[in-house]
Amino acid sequence: MTDELDRTMKQRRLRRAYRVFSESEDGLVILEDLRAFCHYDSPVYVQGDATATAYQDGMRRVFLRFLRLAEDDDSHVSALSQETA
């Protein structure tokens, strides 16, 4: 039980850090750059190249994780704790 509580507290702290960063002026500049770099608004499929497609999809997933953690809603905290366990 204590380990689960520790994980939940760590996830809440992590989410708060992501949120603070994403709401800062510098954070917004960096997020806009990452949005383009990580193919958030563009297809990740590279015709005939499964490796490049997987690589670009991985980049996009990192950005999506950032967005999910930066959300104001803490409903994902317990699910995230289970992901990292």
N, C-alpha and C. Protein backbone atom coordinates (compact mmCIF):
# COMPACT_ATOMS: atom_id res chain seq x y z
N MET A 1 0.82 -1.20 0.00
CA MET A 1 0.00 0.00 0.00
C MET A 1 0.86 1.25 0.00
N THR A 2 1.94 1.25 0.77
CA THR A 2 2.81 2.41 0.84
C THR A 2 3.48 2.68 -0.49
N ASP A 3 3.90 1.61 -1.20
CA ASP A 3 4.52 1.79 -2.52
C ASP A 3 3.55 2.43 -3.50
N GLU A 4 2.30 2.00 -3.44
CA GLU A 4 1.28 2.57 -4.32
C GLU A 4 1.05 4.05 -4.00
N LEU A 5 1.01 4.39 -2.74
CA LEU A 5 0.85 5.78 -2.32
C LEU A 5 2.05 6.62 -2.77
N ASP A 6 3.25 6.08 -2.61
CA ASP A 6 4.46 6.78 -3.06
C ASP A 6 4.42 7.03 -4.56
N ARG A 7 4.03 6.02 -5.34
CA ARG A 7 3.94 6.18 -6.79
C ARG A 7 2.92 7.26 -7.15
N THR A 8 1.78 7.25 -6.48
CA THR A 8 0.74 8.23 -6.75
C THR A 8 1.23 9.64 -6.43
N MET A 9 1.91 9.80 -5.31
CA MET A 9 2.45 11.12 -4.94
C MET A 9 3.51 11.57 -5.95
N LYS A 10 4.36 10.67 -6.38
CA LYS A 10 5.39 11.01 -7.37
C LYS A 10 4.73 11.43 -8.69
N GLN A 11 3.68 10.71 -9.08
CA GLN A 11 3.00 11.05 -10.33
C GLN A 11 2.32 12.41 -10.22
N ARG A 12 1.73 12.70 -9.08
CA ARG A 12 1.11 14.02 -8.91
C ARG A 12 2.16 15.12 -8.96
N ARG A 13 3.30 14.91 -8.35
CA ARG A 13 4.39 15.90 -8.38
C ARG A 13 4.90 16.06 -9.82
N LEU A 14 5.05 14.95 -10.52
CA LEU A 14 5.51 15.00 -11.90
C LEU A 14 4.52 15.76 -12.78
N ARG A 15 3.23 15.47 -12.61
CA ARG A 15 2.20 16.16 -13.39
C ARG A 15 2.21 17.66 -13.10
N ARG A 16 2.39 18.01 -11.84
CA ARG A 16 2.44 19.42 -11.47
C ARG A 16 3.64 20.10 -12.14
N ALA A 17 4.78 19.42 -12.18
CA ALA A 17 5.97 19.97 -12.83
C ALA A 17 5.74 20.16 -14.32
N TYR A 18 5.12 19.18 -14.97
CA TYR A 18 4.79 19.30 -16.39
C TYR A 18 3.85 20.48 -16.62
N ARG A 19 2.87 20.61 -15.76
CA ARG A 19 1.88 21.68 -15.90
C ARG A 19 2.52 23.05 -15.73
N VAL A 20 3.37 23.19 -14.71
CA VAL A 20 4.06 24.47 -14.48
C VAL A 20 4.92 24.82 -15.68
N PHE A 21 5.66 23.84 -16.17
CA PHE A 21 6.51 24.08 -17.34
C PHE A 21 5.67 24.49 -18.55
N SER A 22 4.57 23.77 -18.79
CA SER A 22 3.76 24.05 -19.99
C SER A 22 3.05 25.38 -19.92
N GLU A 23 2.91 25.95 -18.71
CA GLU A 23 2.23 27.23 -18.57
C GLU A 23 3.21 28.41 -18.55
N SER A 24 4.50 28.14 -18.55
CA SER A 24 5.48 29.22 -18.54
C SER A 24 5.71 29.73 -19.96
N GLU A 25 6.20 30.95 -20.08
CA GLU A 25 6.46 31.54 -21.39
C GLU A 25 7.49 30.72 -22.16
N ASP A 26 8.59 30.38 -21.52
CA ASP A 26 9.62 29.56 -22.18
C ASP A 26 9.10 28.18 -22.51
N GLY A 27 8.30 27.62 -21.61
CA GLY A 27 7.72 26.31 -21.85
C GLY A 27 6.84 26.29 -23.09
N LEU A 28 6.07 27.35 -23.30
CA LEU A 28 5.22 27.43 -24.49
C LEU A 28 6.04 27.51 -25.76
N VAL A 29 7.17 28.22 -25.72
CA VAL A 29 8.06 28.30 -26.88
C VAL A 29 8.61 26.91 -27.20
N ILE A 30 9.06 26.22 -26.17
CA ILE A 30 9.62 24.88 -26.36
C ILE A 30 8.55 23.91 -26.84
N LEU A 31 7.36 23.98 -26.26
CA LEU A 31 6.27 23.10 -26.69
C LEU A 31 5.91 23.31 -28.15
N GLU A 32 5.90 24.54 -28.59
CA GLU A 32 5.59 24.81 -30.00
C GLU A 32 6.64 24.19 -30.91
N ASP A 33 7.90 24.27 -30.50
CA ASP A 33 8.98 23.64 -31.27
C ASP A 33 8.82 22.12 -31.27
N LEU A 34 8.56 21.54 -30.11
CA LEU A 34 8.39 20.09 -30.02
C LEU A 34 7.17 19.61 -30.78
N ARG A 35 6.14 20.43 -30.80
CA ARG A 35 4.92 20.08 -31.54
C ARG A 35 5.25 19.80 -33.01
N ALA A 36 6.06 20.65 -33.61
CA ALA A 36 6.46 20.45 -35.01
C ALA A 36 7.47 19.31 -35.13
N PHE A 37 8.47 19.29 -34.25
CA PHE A 37 9.53 18.30 -34.32
C PHE A 37 9.01 16.88 -34.13
N CYS A 38 8.01 16.72 -33.28
CA CYS A 38 7.49 15.39 -32.93
C CYS A 38 6.31 14.96 -33.81
N HIS A 39 6.04 15.71 -34.88
CA HIS A 39 5.00 15.34 -35.85
C HIS A 39 3.61 15.27 -35.23
N TYR A 40 3.33 16.17 -34.29
CA TYR A 40 2.02 16.16 -33.64
C TYR A 40 0.89 16.43 -34.62
N ASP A 41 1.09 17.37 -35.52
CA ASP A 41 0.04 17.77 -36.47
C ASP A 41 0.21 17.18 -37.86
N SER A 42 1.11 16.25 -38.00
CA SER A 42 1.34 15.68 -39.33
C SER A 42 1.40 14.16 -39.25
N PRO A 43 1.17 13.50 -40.37
CA PRO A 43 1.23 12.04 -40.37
C PRO A 43 2.64 11.54 -40.04
N VAL A 44 2.70 10.41 -39.37
CA VAL A 44 3.99 9.83 -39.04
C VAL A 44 4.36 8.72 -40.02
N TYR A 45 3.42 8.32 -40.85
CA TYR A 45 3.66 7.24 -41.81
C TYR A 45 4.67 7.66 -42.87
N VAL A 46 5.68 6.82 -43.06
CA VAL A 46 6.67 7.02 -44.12
C VAL A 46 6.53 5.85 -45.07
N GLN A 47 6.04 6.12 -46.25
CA GLN A 47 5.74 5.06 -47.21
C GLN A 47 6.98 4.22 -47.49
N GLY A 48 6.83 2.91 -47.33
CA GLY A 48 7.90 1.98 -47.64
C GLY A 48 8.99 1.89 -46.59
N ASP A 49 8.84 2.54 -45.45
CA ASP A 49 9.88 2.53 -44.43
C ASP A 49 9.26 2.36 -43.04
N ALA A 50 9.11 1.10 -42.65
CA ALA A 50 8.49 0.80 -41.36
C ALA A 50 9.33 1.33 -40.20
N THR A 51 10.63 1.31 -40.34
CA THR A 51 11.51 1.79 -39.26
C THR A 51 11.33 3.28 -39.05
N ALA A 52 11.31 4.05 -40.12
CA ALA A 52 11.13 5.50 -40.01
C ALA A 52 9.75 5.83 -39.46
N THR A 53 8.75 5.06 -39.87
CA THR A 53 7.39 5.26 -39.36
C THR A 53 7.35 5.01 -37.86
N ALA A 54 7.96 3.91 -37.41
CA ALA A 54 7.98 3.59 -35.98
C ALA A 54 8.75 4.67 -35.21
N TYR A 55 9.84 5.14 -35.76
CA TYR A 55 10.64 6.17 -35.10
C TYR A 55 9.83 7.46 -34.93
N GLN A 56 9.18 7.89 -36.00
CA GLN A 56 8.38 9.12 -35.92
C GLN A 56 7.18 8.95 -35.00
N ASP A 57 6.60 7.75 -35.00
CA ASP A 57 5.48 7.49 -34.09
C ASP A 57 5.96 7.55 -32.64
N GLY A 58 7.15 7.06 -32.37
CA GLY A 58 7.73 7.14 -31.03
C GLY A 58 7.93 8.58 -30.59
N MET A 59 8.41 9.41 -31.50
CA MET A 59 8.59 10.83 -31.19
C MET A 59 7.25 11.47 -30.84
N ARG A 60 6.25 11.15 -31.63
CA ARG A 60 4.91 11.70 -31.40
C ARG A 60 4.35 11.24 -30.06
N ARG A 61 4.59 9.98 -29.70
CA ARG A 61 4.09 9.44 -28.43
C ARG A 61 4.70 10.18 -27.24
N VAL A 62 5.97 10.57 -27.35
CA VAL A 62 6.61 11.33 -26.27
C VAL A 62 5.89 12.66 -26.08
N PHE A 63 5.59 13.34 -27.19
CA PHE A 63 4.89 14.61 -27.10
C PHE A 63 3.48 14.42 -26.52
N LEU A 64 2.79 13.37 -26.94
CA LEU A 64 1.46 13.09 -26.41
C LEU A 64 1.51 12.80 -24.91
N ARG A 65 2.55 12.12 -24.46
CA ARG A 65 2.70 11.87 -23.02
C ARG A 65 2.85 13.20 -22.29
N PHE A 66 3.65 14.09 -22.84
CA PHE A 66 3.82 15.40 -22.22
C PHE A 66 2.48 16.11 -22.10
N LEU A 67 1.72 16.12 -23.18
CA LEU A 67 0.41 16.78 -23.14
C LEU A 67 -0.51 16.14 -22.11
N ARG A 68 -0.50 14.82 -22.04
CA ARG A 68 -1.36 14.12 -21.10
C ARG A 68 -0.97 14.46 -19.66
N LEU A 69 0.33 14.50 -19.39
CA LEU A 69 0.78 14.81 -18.04
C LEU A 69 0.54 16.27 -17.67
N ALA A 70 0.52 17.15 -18.65
CA ALA A 70 0.34 18.57 -18.39
C ALA A 70 -1.13 18.95 -18.22
N GLU A 71 -2.05 18.01 -18.47
CA GLU A 71 -3.48 18.29 -18.30
C GLU A 71 -3.77 18.67 -16.85
N ASP A 72 -4.80 19.46 -16.65
CA ASP A 72 -5.22 19.85 -15.31
C ASP A 72 -5.90 18.72 -14.56
N ASP A 73 -6.46 17.79 -15.28
CA ASP A 73 -7.23 16.70 -14.68
C ASP A 73 -6.29 15.64 -14.10
N ASP A 74 -6.46 15.30 -12.84
CA ASP A 74 -5.62 14.29 -12.18
C ASP A 74 -6.21 12.88 -12.29
N SER A 75 -7.21 12.68 -13.12
CA SER A 75 -7.86 11.37 -13.18
C SER A 75 -6.94 10.28 -13.73
N HIS A 76 -5.88 10.67 -14.44
CA HIS A 76 -4.96 9.69 -15.00
C HIS A 76 -3.86 9.27 -14.02
N VAL A 77 -3.78 9.90 -12.88
CA VAL A 77 -2.67 9.66 -11.97
C VAL A 77 -2.55 8.20 -11.58
N SER A 78 -3.64 7.55 -11.18
CA SER A 78 -3.54 6.16 -10.75
C SER A 78 -3.18 5.27 -11.94
N ALA A 79 -3.69 5.57 -13.12
CA ALA A 79 -3.34 4.79 -14.30
C ALA A 79 -1.86 4.96 -14.64
N LEU A 80 -1.35 6.18 -14.51
CA LEU A 80 0.06 6.41 -14.79
C LEU A 80 0.93 5.70 -13.77
N SER A 81 0.50 5.65 -12.54
CA SER A 81 1.26 4.94 -11.51
C SER A 81 1.39 3.48 -11.87
N GLN A 82 0.34 2.91 -12.41
CA GLN A 82 0.38 1.51 -12.79
C GLN A 82 1.26 1.29 -14.01
N GLU A 83 1.33 2.27 -14.93
CA GLU A 83 2.20 2.17 -16.11
C GLU A 83 3.65 2.10 -15.72
N THR A 84 4.03 2.85 -14.71
CA THR A 84 5.44 2.94 -14.33
C THR A 84 5.83 1.87 -13.33
N ALA A 85 4.88 1.08 -12.87
CA ALA A 85 5.18 0.04 -11.87
C ALA A 85 5.88 -1.15 -12.51
